[in-house]
Amino acid sequence: MERKIYPSDVSREQYENIRGMLETAKHKTSPRKVDLYDVFCAMLYLLKNACGWRALPGDFPKWNTVRYYFDQWSKKRAGEESSLLEQALKKSGGTRTDGQWTSRKNHVLHSGRTKRQEHGHGAGERL
């Protein structure tokens, strides 16, 4: 199935500059079932539109798959100043500044957390 092109997408050529970097986040033990280009574009869509995970359009990979890679790529490795996702955003040639991407990334990562905690669904509330 062909995926719709969104304004937040990067070109395949821009993606090729960062593909190797993103693939190193997880050791490949079996063939990937999703195209990492689509996963990266889904993250760009989330960051640009500041929508919820489940509000991703249906032609992107499943939201939980995108969230898994978001978590993997957002981790800072030992001895590095920024995460793979931040490095990829810089290298992909996006027009936003680093601060804008970082603030959007933090918003997407933590959206809904306060509301869950207000209703007693936070991790500290479990027994």
Protein backbone atom coordinates (compact mmCIF):
# COMPACT_ATOMS: atom_id res chain seq x y z
CA MET A 1 0.00 0.00 0.00
CA GLU A 2 1.37 3.39 -0.98
CA ARG A 3 1.59 5.92 1.82
CA LYS A 4 0.30 9.44 1.41
CA ILE A 5 2.98 12.16 1.31
CA TYR A 6 2.78 14.60 4.23
CA PRO A 7 4.36 18.08 4.48
CA SER A 8 6.44 16.89 7.45
CA ASP A 9 8.12 14.08 5.43
CA VAL A 10 11.74 14.20 4.40
CA SER A 11 12.82 12.95 1.00
CA ARG A 12 14.31 9.48 0.56
CA GLU A 13 17.64 11.15 -0.27
CA GLN A 14 17.63 13.06 3.02
CA TYR A 15 16.69 9.87 4.84
CA GLU A 16 19.60 7.98 3.27
CA ASN A 17 21.96 10.39 5.09
CA ILE A 18 20.65 9.16 8.45
CA ARG A 19 19.50 5.60 7.73
CA GLY A 20 22.69 3.94 8.92
CA MET A 21 22.65 5.92 12.14
CA LEU A 22 19.06 4.94 12.96
CA GLU A 23 19.61 1.29 12.13
CA THR A 24 22.38 1.06 14.75
CA ALA A 25 19.95 1.74 17.61
CA LYS A 26 18.87 -1.88 17.73
CA HIS A 27 20.68 -5.00 16.64
CA LYS A 28 18.85 -6.64 13.78
CA THR A 29 18.03 -10.20 14.79
CA SER A 30 15.35 -10.81 12.18
CA PRO A 31 14.15 -9.00 9.08
CA ARG A 32 12.35 -5.76 9.84
CA LYS A 33 8.64 -5.77 9.08
CA VAL A 34 8.40 -1.98 8.79
CA ASP A 35 10.24 0.55 6.69
CA LEU A 36 12.25 2.79 9.03
CA TYR A 37 11.68 5.65 6.58
CA ASP A 38 7.95 5.46 7.33
CA VAL A 39 8.65 5.26 11.07
CA PHE A 40 10.90 8.34 10.91
CA CYS A 41 8.32 10.26 8.85
CA ALA A 42 5.64 9.29 11.38
CA MET A 43 7.79 10.82 14.13
CA LEU A 44 8.20 13.98 12.06
CA TYR A 45 4.41 14.08 11.65
CA LEU A 46 3.96 13.75 15.42
CA LEU A 47 6.53 16.43 16.15
CA LYS A 48 5.10 18.85 13.61
CA ASN A 49 1.44 18.39 14.53
CA ALA A 50 1.87 17.63 18.26
CA CYS A 51 -0.88 15.04 18.07
CA GLY A 52 -1.31 11.98 20.23
CA TRP A 53 0.25 8.64 19.39
CA ARG A 54 -3.06 7.05 18.48
CA ALA A 55 -3.93 9.99 16.22
CA LEU A 56 -1.30 8.99 13.65
CA PRO A 57 -2.86 8.56 10.19
CA GLY A 58 -3.56 4.94 9.30
CA ASP A 59 -1.08 4.80 6.44
CA PHE A 60 1.87 5.13 8.85
CA PRO A 61 3.07 2.08 10.78
CA LYS A 62 1.05 1.22 13.89
CA TRP A 63 1.37 3.81 16.66
CA ASN A 64 2.92 1.34 19.13
CA THR A 65 5.63 0.48 16.59
CA VAL A 66 6.40 4.18 16.08
CA ARG A 67 6.44 4.67 19.88
CA TYR A 68 8.86 1.75 20.30
CA TYR A 69 11.34 3.26 17.85
CA PHE A 70 10.79 6.73 19.33
CA ASP A 71 11.80 5.37 22.74
CA GLN A 72 14.83 3.56 21.26
CA TRP A 73 16.03 6.56 19.28
CA SER A 74 15.38 9.07 22.11
CA LYS A 75 17.73 7.35 24.57
CA LYS A 76 21.04 9.09 25.07
CA ARG A 77 23.98 6.77 24.69
CA ALA A 78 26.87 6.85 27.11
CA GLY A 79 29.29 9.62 26.26
CA GLU A 80 27.01 11.38 23.78
CA GLU A 81 25.37 14.76 24.25
CA SER A 82 22.25 14.04 22.23
CA SER A 83 20.08 11.09 21.32
CA LEU A 84 20.01 9.39 17.92
CA LEU A 85 16.69 11.09 17.18
CA GLU A 86 18.11 14.54 17.90
CA GLN A 87 21.17 13.78 15.77
CA ALA A 88 18.96 12.49 12.95
CA LEU A 89 16.77 15.58 13.08
CA LYS A 90 19.84 17.80 12.78
CA LYS A 91 21.36 15.75 9.97
CA SER A 92 18.14 15.27 7.99
CA GLY A 93 18.15 18.93 7.02
CA GLY A 94 14.96 19.95 8.79
CA THR A 95 14.17 23.66 8.81
CA ARG A 96 13.49 23.83 12.53
CA THR A 97 16.11 24.70 15.10
CA ASP A 98 17.24 22.10 17.62
CA GLY A 99 15.35 23.78 20.45
CA GLN A 100 12.05 23.59 18.57
CA TRP A 101 12.47 19.88 17.83
CA THR A 102 13.52 19.13 21.40
CA SER A 103 10.58 20.96 22.94
CA ARG A 104 8.16 19.21 20.56
CA LYS A 105 9.81 15.85 21.30
CA ASN A 106 9.40 16.39 25.03
CA HIS A 107 5.77 17.42 24.53
CA VAL A 108 5.01 14.29 22.50
CA LEU A 109 6.85 12.06 24.95
CA HIS A 110 5.13 13.43 28.04
CA SER A 111 1.68 14.30 26.66
CA GLY A 112 -1.07 12.87 28.80
CA ARG A 113 1.22 12.00 31.71
CA THR A 114 -0.13 14.79 33.96
CA LYS A 115 -3.72 13.87 33.21
CA ARG A 116 -3.07 10.19 33.99
CA GLN A 117 -1.43 11.11 37.28
CA GLU A 118 -4.35 13.38 38.25
CA HIS A 119 -6.70 10.43 37.86
CA GLY A 120 -4.51 8.08 39.91
CA HIS A 121 -3.04 6.21 36.97
CA GLY A 122 0.58 7.28 37.52
CA ALA A 123 3.33 4.78 38.24
CA GLY A 124 3.61 6.05 41.83
CA GLU A 125 0.01 5.10 42.54
CA ARG A 126 0.39 1.37 41.86
CA LEU A 127 0.62 -1.11 44.68
